[in-house]
Each structure stands twice: as C-alpha cells, then as structure tokens.
Amino acid sequence: MENNKPPKKPTHIWRTVIEVGFIVFLFYSNLLMGEFTNSCKGQNNGLWWAILDIFTLPNFIIAITAALIGYLAFDYARKKL
C-alpha cells in the first residue's frame, strides 16, 4: 500500500529559519566579496584573514537584525499580495 499524501511543507518556524539564514548568508558573502574587491586587503592578506575579519560580533548582530527586518517585510508583503 503506497502513501499518496503530498510531502509536508516546512512549518512556519523552519521557513523563518531558512529564509533568515539565507539573508545572513547573502550578508556575509557580500562582506567577503567586499574584502577582495573594494578594500583589496583580502587579496594581500589572504582568504583566511578575510574570513576572520568579517566574522565579528558587531557584524553578526547587524546580519541578524537586517535578516529579521527583511524577513518581516517580505512576510508582510507575501500575506498582503
């Protein structure tokens, strides 16, 4: 006997975690790219230095705050449209 039920969609909490995590990923990838293109310090000091330079507590707080604001804005727009 086969189970013909459609796969369960992620719960609201999991969707929130995934979307906020993706926004944080984009934030950090943008910072890392900036170390190599704008300041050129990453090119001189290497990838490991650039990674250590961007993963700081202030950057993490900014990333989480921006991700939550972005998530709330898109969730509001998703519900209204």
C-alpha atoms as a PDB file:
ATOM      1  CA  MET A   1       0.000   0.000   0.000  1.00  0.00           C
ATOM      2  CA  GLU A   2       1.507   3.315  -1.107  1.00  0.00           C
ATOM      3  CA  ASN A   3       1.239   6.542   0.793  1.00  0.00           C
ATOM      4  CA  ASN A   4      -0.169   9.103  -1.664  1.00  0.00           C
ATOM      5  CA  LYS A   5      -0.026  12.033   0.725  1.00  0.00           C
ATOM      6  CA  PRO A   6       1.867  15.073  -0.547  1.00  0.00           C
ATOM      7  CA  PRO A   7       5.099  15.837   1.291  1.00  0.00           C
ATOM      8  CA  LYS A   8       4.668  18.037   4.354  1.00  0.00           C
ATOM      9  CA  LYS A   9       5.601  21.650   3.880  1.00  0.00           C
ATOM     10  CA  PRO A  10       8.072  23.096   6.347  1.00  0.00           C
ATOM     11  CA  THR A  11       6.454  24.642   9.365  1.00  0.00           C
ATOM     12  CA  HIS A  12       6.396  28.382   9.777  1.00  0.00           C
ATOM     13  CA  ILE A  13       9.381  28.262  12.145  1.00  0.00           C
ATOM     14  CA  TRP A  14      11.510  26.218   9.751  1.00  0.00           C
ATOM     15  CA  ARG A  15      10.624  28.548   6.880  1.00  0.00           C
ATOM     16  CA  THR A  16      11.639  31.504   9.039  1.00  0.00           C
ATOM     17  CA  VAL A  17      14.961  29.870   9.963  1.00  0.00           C
ATOM     18  CA  ILE A  18      15.707  29.025   6.325  1.00  0.00           C
ATOM     19  CA  GLU A  19      14.830  32.480   4.999  1.00  0.00           C
ATOM     20  CA  VAL A  20      16.700  34.345   7.759  1.00  0.00           C
ATOM     21  CA  GLY A  21      19.683  32.032   7.272  1.00  0.00           C
ATOM     22  CA  PHE A  22      19.704  32.751   3.555  1.00  0.00           C
ATOM     23  CA  ILE A  23      19.662  36.513   4.165  1.00  0.00           C
ATOM     24  CA  VAL A  24      22.550  36.137   6.655  1.00  0.00           C
ATOM     25  CA  PHE A  25      24.436  34.075   4.058  1.00  0.00           C
ATOM     26  CA  LEU A  26      23.955  36.831   1.487  1.00  0.00           C
ATOM     27  CA  PHE A  27      25.125  39.438   4.000  1.00  0.00           C
ATOM     28  CA  TYR A  28      28.349  37.580   4.802  1.00  0.00           C
ATOM     29  CA  SER A  29      29.053  36.702   1.173  1.00  0.00           C
ATOM     30  CA  ASN A  30      28.682  40.392   0.323  1.00  0.00           C
ATOM     31  CA  LEU A  31      31.121  41.335   3.094  1.00  0.00           C
ATOM     32  CA  LEU A  32      33.618  38.699   1.943  1.00  0.00           C
ATOM     33  CA  MET A  33      33.406  39.867  -1.646  1.00  0.00           C
ATOM     34  CA  GLY A  34      33.986  43.438  -0.473  1.00  0.00           C
ATOM     35  CA  GLU A  35      37.219  42.379   1.231  1.00  0.00           C
ATOM     36  CA  PHE A  36      38.566  41.255  -2.137  1.00  0.00           C
ATOM     37  CA  THR A  37      37.138  43.879  -4.490  1.00  0.00           C
ATOM     38  CA  ASN A  38      36.824  47.172  -2.631  1.00  0.00           C
ATOM     39  CA  SER A  39      39.475  47.241   0.070  1.00  0.00           C
ATOM     40  CA  CYS A  40      41.915  44.813  -1.608  1.00  0.00           C
ATOM     41  CA  LYS A  41      43.116  43.829   1.875  1.00  0.00           C
ATOM     42  CA  GLY A  42      41.777  40.339   1.275  1.00  0.00           C
ATOM     43  CA  GLN A  43      43.938  39.990  -1.813  1.00  0.00           C
ATOM     44  CA  ASN A  44      47.033  40.997   0.132  1.00  0.00           C
ATOM     45  CA  ASN A  45      46.330  39.082   3.358  1.00  0.00           C
ATOM     46  CA  GLY A  46      44.507  36.007   2.024  1.00  0.00           C
ATOM     47  CA  LEU A  47      41.180  34.275   2.380  1.00  0.00           C
ATOM     48  CA  TRP A  48      41.627  33.153   5.991  1.00  0.00           C
ATOM     49  CA  TRP A  49      42.379  36.735   7.097  1.00  0.00           C
ATOM     50  CA  ALA A  50      39.286  37.998   5.253  1.00  0.00           C
ATOM     51  CA  ILE A  51      37.071  35.369   6.894  1.00  0.00           C
ATOM     52  CA  LEU A  52      38.382  36.243  10.348  1.00  0.00           C
ATOM     53  CA  ASP A  53      37.926  39.938   9.590  1.00  0.00           C
ATOM     54  CA  ILE A  54      34.236  39.682   8.684  1.00  0.00           C
ATOM     55  CA  PHE A  55      33.036  37.211  11.338  1.00  0.00           C
ATOM     56  CA  THR A  56      32.797  39.584  14.282  1.00  0.00           C
ATOM     57  CA  LEU A  57      30.096  40.116  16.890  1.00  0.00           C
ATOM     58  CA  PRO A  58      29.010  43.530  15.516  1.00  0.00           C
ATOM     59  CA  ASN A  59      28.698  42.082  12.002  1.00  0.00           C
ATOM     60  CA  PHE A  60      26.679  39.157  13.373  1.00  0.00           C
ATOM     61  CA  ILE A  61      24.297  41.486  15.209  1.00  0.00           C
ATOM     62  CA  ILE A  62      23.855  43.586  12.067  1.00  0.00           C
ATOM     63  CA  ALA A  63      23.278  40.463   9.962  1.00  0.00           C
ATOM     64  CA  ILE A  64      20.624  39.022  12.287  1.00  0.00           C
ATOM     65  CA  THR A  65      18.866  42.377  12.684  1.00  0.00           C
ATOM     66  CA  ALA A  66      18.800  43.023   8.935  1.00  0.00           C
ATOM     67  CA  ALA A  67      17.688  39.455   8.237  1.00  0.00           C
ATOM     68  CA  LEU A  68      14.783  39.664  10.679  1.00  0.00           C
ATOM     69  CA  ILE A  69      13.671  43.026   9.289  1.00  0.00           C
ATOM     70  CA  GLY A  70      13.940  41.667   5.745  1.00  0.00           C
ATOM     71  CA  TYR A  71      12.027  38.538   6.661  1.00  0.00           C
ATOM     72  CA  LEU A  72       9.247  40.521   8.336  1.00  0.00           C
ATOM     73  CA  ALA A  73       8.961  42.867   5.346  1.00  0.00           C
ATOM     74  CA  PHE A  74       8.747  40.015   2.836  1.00  0.00           C
ATOM     75  CA  ASP A  75       6.368  38.030   5.018  1.00  0.00           C
ATOM     76  CA  TYR A  76       4.107  41.069   5.298  1.00  0.00           C
ATOM     77  CA  ALA A  77       4.235  41.573   1.520  1.00  0.00           C
ATOM     78  CA  ARG A  78       3.594  37.841   0.930  1.00  0.00           C
ATOM     79  CA  LYS A  79       0.453  37.961   3.068  1.00  0.00           C
ATOM     80  CA  LYS A  80      -0.855  41.208   1.573  1.00  0.00           C
ATOM     81  CA  LEU A  81      -0.248  40.361  -2.083  1.00  0.00           C
END
